[in-house]
Amino acid sequence: MSRKGDCWDNAVAESFFGTLKIELVFGTTYFSRADAKRDIVDYIEMFYNSRRRHSSLGYMPPMEFEKQKLWKDAA
């Protein structure tokens, strides 16, 4: 393992999983692994990757950021 600040630290992964737990998992009871997997995949694909605002994108949702990028590339 590396020290804090090294390029091998896993801050990005820790941030994502922290967000996932706070926004989805805490307070939810899953009765099977399949239910949990379905809910988590839906969260990632339908919300986190498309509509949730990301600080690294200037607090824009990824879909909006991509549309803006396409317009700039086309011009």
PDB file of N, CA and C in Angstrom:
ATOM      1  N   MET A   1       0.842  -1.187   0.000  1.00  0.00           N
ATOM      2  CA  MET A   1       0.000   0.000   0.000  1.00  0.00           C
ATOM      3  C   MET A   1       0.881   1.242   0.000  1.00  0.00           C
ATOM      4  N   SER A   2       0.374   2.273  -0.583  1.00  0.00           N
ATOM      5  CA  SER A   2       1.134   3.514  -0.641  1.00  0.00           C
ATOM      6  C   SER A   2       0.672   4.462   0.466  1.00  0.00           C
ATOM      7  N   ARG A   3       1.395   5.532   0.594  1.00  0.00           N
ATOM      8  CA  ARG A   3       1.019   6.539   1.582  1.00  0.00           C
ATOM      9  C   ARG A   3      -0.006   7.489   0.995  1.00  0.00           C
ATOM     10  N   LYS A   4      -0.643   8.236   1.865  1.00  0.00           N
ATOM     11  CA  LYS A   4      -1.626   9.222   1.453  1.00  0.00           C
ATOM     12  C   LYS A   4      -0.970  10.212   0.484  1.00  0.00           C
ATOM     13  N   GLY A   5      -1.653  10.484  -0.619  1.00  0.00           N
ATOM     14  CA  GLY A   5      -1.134  11.430  -1.590  1.00  0.00           C
ATOM     15  C   GLY A   5      -0.376  10.790  -2.732  1.00  0.00           C
ATOM     16  N   ASP A   6       0.026   9.536  -2.585  1.00  0.00           N
ATOM     17  CA  ASP A   6       0.706   8.846  -3.676  1.00  0.00           C
ATOM     18  C   ASP A   6      -0.299   8.508  -4.767  1.00  0.00           C
ATOM     19  N   CYS A   7       0.191   8.317  -5.959  1.00  0.00           N
ATOM     20  CA  CYS A   7      -0.711   8.029  -7.071  1.00  0.00           C
ATOM     21  C   CYS A   7      -1.383   6.677  -6.943  1.00  0.00           C
ATOM     22  N   TRP A   8      -0.969   5.857  -6.004  1.00  0.00           N
ATOM     23  CA  TRP A   8      -1.565   4.536  -5.837  1.00  0.00           C
ATOM     24  C   TRP A   8      -2.663   4.515  -4.771  1.00  0.00           C
ATOM     25  N   ASP A   9      -2.953   5.668  -4.183  1.00  0.00           N
ATOM     26  CA  ASP A   9      -3.997   5.621  -3.164  1.00  0.00           C
ATOM     27  C   ASP A   9      -5.354   5.490  -3.847  1.00  0.00           C
ATOM     28  N   ASN A  10      -6.336   5.053  -3.131  1.00  0.00           N
ATOM     29  CA  ASN A  10      -7.629   4.743  -3.723  1.00  0.00           C
ATOM     30  C   ASN A  10      -8.709   5.729  -3.295  1.00  0.00           C
ATOM     31  N   ALA A  11      -8.390   6.999  -3.250  1.00  0.00           N
ATOM     32  CA  ALA A  11      -9.341   8.014  -2.815  1.00  0.00           C
ATOM     33  C   ALA A  11     -10.566   8.076  -3.718  1.00  0.00           C
ATOM     34  N   VAL A  12     -10.391   7.900  -5.011  1.00  0.00           N
ATOM     35  CA  VAL A  12     -11.521   7.965  -5.936  1.00  0.00           C
ATOM     36  C   VAL A  12     -12.500   6.829  -5.649  1.00  0.00           C
ATOM     37  N   ALA A  13     -11.979   5.636  -5.487  1.00  0.00           N
ATOM     38  CA  ALA A  13     -12.841   4.489  -5.187  1.00  0.00           C
ATOM     39  C   ALA A  13     -13.520   4.659  -3.829  1.00  0.00           C
ATOM     40  N   GLU A  14     -12.791   5.136  -2.844  1.00  0.00           N
ATOM     41  CA  GLU A  14     -13.373   5.340  -1.527  1.00  0.00           C
ATOM     42  C   GLU A  14     -14.475   6.389  -1.583  1.00  0.00           C
ATOM     43  N   SER A  15     -14.259   7.438  -2.339  1.00  0.00           N
ATOM     44  CA  SER A  15     -15.280   8.478  -2.488  1.00  0.00           C
ATOM     45  C   SER A  15     -16.536   7.914  -3.140  1.00  0.00           C
ATOM     46  N   PHE A  16     -16.367   7.134  -4.215  1.00  0.00           N
ATOM     47  CA  PHE A  16     -17.517   6.549  -4.893  1.00  0.00           C
ATOM     48  C   PHE A  16     -18.295   5.624  -3.969  1.00  0.00           C
ATOM     49  N   PHE A  17     -17.613   4.718  -3.289  1.00  0.00           N
ATOM     50  CA  PHE A  17     -18.312   3.769  -2.432  1.00  0.00           C
ATOM     51  C   PHE A  17     -18.952   4.462  -1.236  1.00  0.00           C
ATOM     52  N   GLY A  18     -18.338   5.527  -0.739  1.00  0.00           N
ATOM     53  CA  GLY A  18     -18.958   6.306   0.327  1.00  0.00           C
ATOM     54  C   GLY A  18     -20.252   6.945  -0.148  1.00  0.00           C
ATOM     55  N   THR A  19     -20.224   7.514  -1.353  1.00  0.00           N
ATOM     56  CA  THR A  19     -21.420   8.114  -1.931  1.00  0.00           C
ATOM     57  C   THR A  19     -22.497   7.061  -2.157  1.00  0.00           C
ATOM     58  N   LEU A  20     -22.116   5.922  -2.696  1.00  0.00           N
ATOM     59  CA  LEU A  20     -23.063   4.830  -2.935  1.00  0.00           C
ATOM     60  C   LEU A  20     -23.750   4.412  -1.644  1.00  0.00           C
ATOM     61  N   LYS A  21     -22.974   4.252  -0.592  1.00  0.00           N
ATOM     62  CA  LYS A  21     -23.544   3.825   0.681  1.00  0.00           C
ATOM     63  C   LYS A  21     -24.494   4.871   1.253  1.00  0.00           C
ATOM     64  N   ILE A  22     -24.100   6.129   1.208  1.00  0.00           N
ATOM     65  CA  ILE A  22     -24.937   7.189   1.778  1.00  0.00           C
ATOM     66  C   ILE A  22     -26.214   7.373   0.973  1.00  0.00           C
ATOM     67  N   GLU A  23     -26.106   7.427  -0.356  1.00  0.00           N
ATOM     68  CA  GLU A  23     -27.259   7.735  -1.190  1.00  0.00           C
ATOM     69  C   GLU A  23     -28.173   6.548  -1.449  1.00  0.00           C
ATOM     70  N   LEU A  24     -27.687   5.327  -1.303  1.00  0.00           N
ATOM     71  CA  LEU A  24     -28.512   4.184  -1.668  1.00  0.00           C
ATOM     72  C   LEU A  24     -28.610   3.112  -0.596  1.00  0.00           C
ATOM     73  N   VAL A  25     -27.501   2.628  -0.110  1.00  0.00           N
ATOM     74  CA  VAL A  25     -27.491   1.390   0.670  1.00  0.00           C
ATOM     75  C   VAL A  25     -27.947   1.580   2.116  1.00  0.00           C
ATOM     76  N   PHE A  26     -27.470   2.630   2.796  1.00  0.00           N
ATOM     77  CA  PHE A  26     -27.856   2.818   4.193  1.00  0.00           C
ATOM     78  C   PHE A  26     -29.362   2.996   4.295  1.00  0.00           C
ATOM     79  N   GLY A  27     -29.965   2.278   5.196  1.00  0.00           N
ATOM     80  CA  GLY A  27     -31.404   2.373   5.402  1.00  0.00           C
ATOM     81  C   GLY A  27     -32.209   1.446   4.508  1.00  0.00           C
ATOM     82  N   THR A  28     -31.542   0.683   3.647  1.00  0.00           N
ATOM     83  CA  THR A  28     -32.227  -0.246   2.750  1.00  0.00           C
ATOM     84  C   THR A  28     -31.948  -1.669   3.207  1.00  0.00           C
ATOM     85  N   THR A  29     -32.979  -2.486   3.227  1.00  0.00           N
ATOM     86  CA  THR A  29     -32.828  -3.892   3.576  1.00  0.00           C
ATOM     87  C   THR A  29     -32.981  -4.716   2.313  1.00  0.00           C
ATOM     88  N   TYR A  30     -31.980  -5.500   1.998  1.00  0.00           N
ATOM     89  CA  TYR A  30     -32.018  -6.381   0.844  1.00  0.00           C
ATOM     90  C   TYR A  30     -32.237  -7.802   1.332  1.00  0.00           C
ATOM     91  N   PHE A  31     -33.161  -8.498   0.684  1.00  0.00           N
ATOM     92  CA  PHE A  31     -33.479  -9.854   1.097  1.00  0.00           C
ATOM     93  C   PHE A  31     -32.682 -10.908   0.337  1.00  0.00           C
ATOM     94  N   SER A  32     -32.020 -10.476  -0.735  1.00  0.00           N
ATOM     95  CA  SER A  32     -31.150 -11.404  -1.458  1.00  0.00           C
ATOM     96  C   SER A  32     -30.018 -10.612  -2.104  1.00  0.00           C
ATOM     97  N   ARG A  33     -28.975 -11.309  -2.440  1.00  0.00           N
ATOM     98  CA  ARG A  33     -27.840 -10.694  -3.124  1.00  0.00           C
ATOM     99  C   ARG A  33     -28.270 -10.173  -4.494  1.00  0.00           C
ATOM    100  N   ALA A  34     -29.169 -10.895  -5.150  1.00  0.00           N
ATOM    101  CA  ALA A  34     -29.663 -10.482  -6.468  1.00  0.00           C
ATOM    102  C   ALA A  34     -30.420  -9.154  -6.387  1.00  0.00           C
ATOM    103  N   ASP A  35     -31.222  -8.967  -5.327  1.00  0.00           N
ATOM    104  CA  ASP A  35     -31.930  -7.697  -5.142  1.00  0.00           C
ATOM    105  C   ASP A  35     -30.948  -6.544  -4.958  1.00  0.00           C
ATOM    106  N   ALA A  36     -29.934  -6.764  -4.152  1.00  0.00           N
ATOM    107  CA  ALA A  36     -28.928  -5.733  -3.918  1.00  0.00           C
ATOM    108  C   ALA A  36     -28.183  -5.407  -5.209  1.00  0.00           C
ATOM    109  N   LYS A  37     -27.779  -6.436  -5.930  1.00  0.00           N
ATOM    110  CA  LYS A  37     -27.043  -6.225  -7.178  1.00  0.00           C
ATOM    111  C   LYS A  37     -27.885  -5.447  -8.177  1.00  0.00           C
ATOM    112  N   ARG A  38     -29.149  -5.803  -8.327  1.00  0.00           N
ATOM    113  CA  ARG A  38     -30.047  -5.123  -9.256  1.00  0.00           C
ATOM    114  C   ARG A  38     -30.184  -3.647  -8.880  1.00  0.00           C
ATOM    115  N   ASP A  39     -30.368  -3.368  -7.602  1.00  0.00           N
ATOM    116  CA  ASP A  39     -30.541  -1.997  -7.132  1.00  0.00           C
ATOM    117  C   ASP A  39     -29.267  -1.177  -7.331  1.00  0.00           C
ATOM    118  N   ILE A  40     -28.126  -1.761  -7.038  1.00  0.00           N
ATOM    119  CA  ILE A  40     -26.858  -1.048  -7.162  1.00  0.00           C
ATOM    120  C   ILE A  40     -26.507  -0.794  -8.623  1.00  0.00           C
ATOM    121  N   VAL A  41     -26.713  -1.780  -9.489  1.00  0.00           N
ATOM    122  CA  VAL A  41     -26.453  -1.586 -10.926  1.00  0.00           C
ATOM    123  C   VAL A  41     -27.365  -0.502 -11.478  1.00  0.00           C
ATOM    124  N   ASP A  42     -28.627  -0.514 -11.073  1.00  0.00           N
ATOM    125  CA  ASP A  42     -29.566   0.517 -11.520  1.00  0.00           C
ATOM    126  C   ASP A  42     -29.106   1.899 -11.066  1.00  0.00           C
ATOM    127  N   TYR A  43     -28.666   2.011  -9.829  1.00  0.00           N
ATOM    128  CA  TYR A  43     -28.174   3.286  -9.307  1.00  0.00           C
ATOM    129  C   TYR A  43     -26.988   3.796 -10.121  1.00  0.00           C
ATOM    130  N   ILE A  44     -26.033   2.916 -10.381  1.00  0.00           N
ATOM    131  CA  ILE A  44     -24.825   3.324 -11.103  1.00  0.00           C
ATOM    132  C   ILE A  44     -25.147   3.707 -12.535  1.00  0.00           C
ATOM    133  N   GLU A  45     -25.880   2.872 -13.241  1.00  0.00           N
ATOM    134  CA  GLU A  45     -26.148   3.099 -14.660  1.00  0.00           C
ATOM    135  C   GLU A  45     -27.170   4.198 -14.916  1.00  0.00           C
ATOM    136  N   MET A  46     -28.220   4.254 -14.114  1.00  0.00           N
ATOM    137  CA  MET A  46     -29.315   5.171 -14.400  1.00  0.00           C
ATOM    138  C   MET A  46     -29.184   6.518 -13.693  1.00  0.00           C
ATOM    139  N   PHE A  47     -28.501   6.572 -12.577  1.00  0.00           N
ATOM    140  CA  PHE A  47     -28.413   7.837 -11.845  1.00  0.00           C
ATOM    141  C   PHE A  47     -26.989   8.357 -11.765  1.00  0.00           C
ATOM    142  N   TYR A  48     -26.092   7.587 -11.186  1.00  0.00           N
ATOM    143  CA  TYR A  48     -24.741   8.081 -10.916  1.00  0.00           C
ATOM    144  C   TYR A  48     -23.997   8.462 -12.190  1.00  0.00           C
ATOM    145  N   ASN A  49     -24.077   7.629 -13.216  1.00  0.00           N
ATOM    146  CA  ASN A  49     -23.344   7.883 -14.444  1.00  0.00           C
ATOM    147  C   ASN A  49     -24.050   8.846 -15.397  1.00  0.00           C
ATOM    148  N   SER A  50     -25.299   9.147 -15.165  1.00  0.00           N
ATOM    149  CA  SER A  50     -26.000   9.982 -16.136  1.00  0.00           C
ATOM    150  C   SER A  50     -26.540  11.285 -15.575  1.00  0.00           C
ATOM    151  N   ARG A  51     -27.132  11.275 -14.393  1.00  0.00           N
ATOM    152  CA  ARG A  51     -27.795  12.490 -13.904  1.00  0.00           C
ATOM    153  C   ARG A  51     -27.143  13.164 -12.705  1.00  0.00           C
ATOM    154  N   ARG A  52     -26.390  12.423 -11.914  1.00  0.00           N
ATOM    155  CA  ARG A  52     -25.797  12.997 -10.705  1.00  0.00           C
ATOM    156  C   ARG A  52     -24.720  14.004 -11.071  1.00  0.00           C
ATOM    157  N   ARG A  53     -24.713  15.135 -10.395  1.00  0.00           N
ATOM    158  CA  ARG A  53     -23.704  16.163 -10.656  1.00  0.00           C
ATOM    159  C   ARG A  53     -22.372  15.737 -10.072  1.00  0.00           C
ATOM    160  N   HIS A  54     -21.301  15.928 -10.850  1.00  0.00           N
ATOM    161  CA  HIS A  54     -19.963  15.523 -10.445  1.00  0.00           C
ATOM    162  C   HIS A  54     -19.073  16.757 -10.320  1.00  0.00           C
ATOM    163  N   SER A  55     -18.371  16.863  -9.215  1.00  0.00           N
ATOM    164  CA  SER A  55     -17.510  18.021  -8.988  1.00  0.00           C
ATOM    165  C   SER A  55     -16.389  18.095 -10.011  1.00  0.00           C
ATOM    166  N   SER A  56     -15.915  16.958 -10.484  1.00  0.00           N
ATOM    167  CA  SER A  56     -14.821  16.978 -11.465  1.00  0.00           C
ATOM    168  C   SER A  56     -15.269  17.478 -12.834  1.00  0.00           C
ATOM    169  N   LEU A  57     -16.568  17.575 -13.041  1.00  0.00           N
ATOM    170  CA  LEU A  57     -17.107  18.074 -14.318  1.00  0.00           C
ATOM    171  C   LEU A  57     -17.710  19.462 -14.157  1.00  0.00           C
ATOM    172  N   GLY A  58     -17.286  20.177 -13.143  1.00  0.00           N
ATOM    173  CA  GLY A  58     -17.823  21.513 -12.911  1.00  0.00           C
ATOM    174  C   GLY A  58     -19.251  21.461 -12.394  1.00  0.00           C
ATOM    175  N   TYR A  59     -19.570  20.441 -11.616  1.00  0.00           N
ATOM    176  CA  TYR A  59     -20.899  20.223 -11.041  1.00  0.00           C
ATOM    177  C   TYR A  59     -21.982  20.120 -12.107  1.00  0.00           C
ATOM    178  N   MET A  60     -21.636  19.440 -13.191  1.00  0.00           N
ATOM    179  CA  MET A  60     -22.599  19.152 -14.252  1.00  0.00           C
ATOM    180  C   MET A  60     -22.847  17.654 -14.285  1.00  0.00           C
ATOM    181  N   PRO A  61     -24.059  17.249 -14.665  1.00  0.00           N
ATOM    182  CA  PRO A  61     -24.291  15.819 -14.868  1.00  0.00           C
ATOM    183  C   PRO A  61     -23.479  15.331 -16.073  1.00  0.00           C
ATOM    184  N   PRO A  62     -22.991  14.104 -16.060  1.00  0.00           N
ATOM    185  CA  PRO A  62     -22.167  13.613 -17.164  1.00  0.00           C
ATOM    186  C   PRO A  62     -22.833  13.709 -18.533  1.00  0.00           C
ATOM    187  N   MET A  63     -24.131  13.447 -18.613  1.00  0.00           N
ATOM    188  CA  MET A  63     -24.817  13.524 -19.906  1.00  0.00           C
ATOM    189  C   MET A  63     -24.783  14.953 -20.451  1.00  0.00           C
ATOM    190  N   GLU A  64     -25.006  15.924 -19.575  1.00  0.00           N
ATOM    191  CA  GLU A  64     -24.967  17.327 -19.991  1.00  0.00           C
ATOM    192  C   GLU A  64     -23.542  17.725 -20.399  1.00  0.00           C
ATOM    193  N   PHE A  65     -22.560  17.252 -19.648  1.00  0.00           N
ATOM    194  CA  PHE A  65     -21.166  17.534 -19.959  1.00  0.00           C
ATOM    195  C   PHE A  65     -20.795  16.980 -21.331  1.00  0.00           C
ATOM    196  N   GLU A  66     -21.220  15.753 -21.616  1.00  0.00           N
ATOM    197  CA  GLU A  66     -20.931  15.140 -22.911  1.00  0.00           C
ATOM    198  C   GLU A  66     -21.597  15.900 -24.053  1.00  0.00           C
ATOM    199  N   LYS A  67     -22.845  16.330 -23.859  1.00  0.00           N
ATOM    200  CA  LYS A  67     -23.542  17.104 -24.894  1.00  0.00           C
ATOM    201  C   LYS A  67     -22.789  18.407 -25.163  1.00  0.00           C
ATOM    202  N   GLN A  68     -22.369  19.065 -24.104  1.00  0.00           N
ATOM    203  CA  GLN A  68     -21.639  20.324 -24.246  1.00  0.00           C
ATOM    204  C   GLN A  68     -20.305  20.082 -24.980  1.00  0.00           C
ATOM    205  N   LYS A  69     -19.645  18.992 -24.649  1.00  0.00           N
ATOM    206  CA  LYS A  69     -18.375  18.653 -25.293  1.00  0.00           C
ATOM    207  C   LYS A  69     -18.586  18.378 -26.778  1.00  0.00           C
ATOM    208  N   LEU A  70     -19.657  17.665 -27.113  1.00  0.00           N
ATOM    209  CA  LEU A  70     -19.956  17.373 -28.519  1.00  0.00           C
ATOM    210  C   LEU A  70     -20.206  18.644 -29.311  1.00  0.00           C
ATOM    211  N   TRP A  71     -20.926  19.580 -28.695  1.00  0.00           N
ATOM    212  CA  TRP A  71     -21.199  20.853 -29.399  1.00  0.00           C
ATOM    213  C   TRP A  71     -19.898  21.621 -29.635  1.00  0.00           C
ATOM    214  N   LYS A  72     -18.987  21.606 -28.660  1.00  0.00           N
ATOM    215  CA  LYS A  72     -17.710  22.311 -28.812  1.00  0.00           C
ATOM    216  C   LYS A  72     -16.849  21.642 -29.876  1.00  0.00           C
ATOM    217  N   ASP A  73     -16.860  20.301 -29.905  1.00  0.00           N
ATOM    218  CA  ASP A  73     -16.067  19.576 -30.900  1.00  0.00           C
ATOM    219  C   ASP A  73     -16.608  19.778 -32.313  1.00  0.00           C
ATOM    220  N   ALA A  74     -17.918  19.920 -32.445  1.00  0.00           N
ATOM    221  CA  ALA A  74     -18.548  20.086 -33.764  1.00  0.00           C
ATOM    222  C   ALA A  74     -18.315  21.494 -34.305  1.00  0.00           C
ATOM    223  N   ALA A  75     -18.119  22.456 -33.430  1.00  0.00           N
ATOM    224  CA  ALA A  75     -17.959  23.853 -33.884  1.00  0.00           C
ATOM    225  C   ALA A  75     -16.593  24.125 -34.443  1.00  0.00           C
TER     226      ALA A  75
END
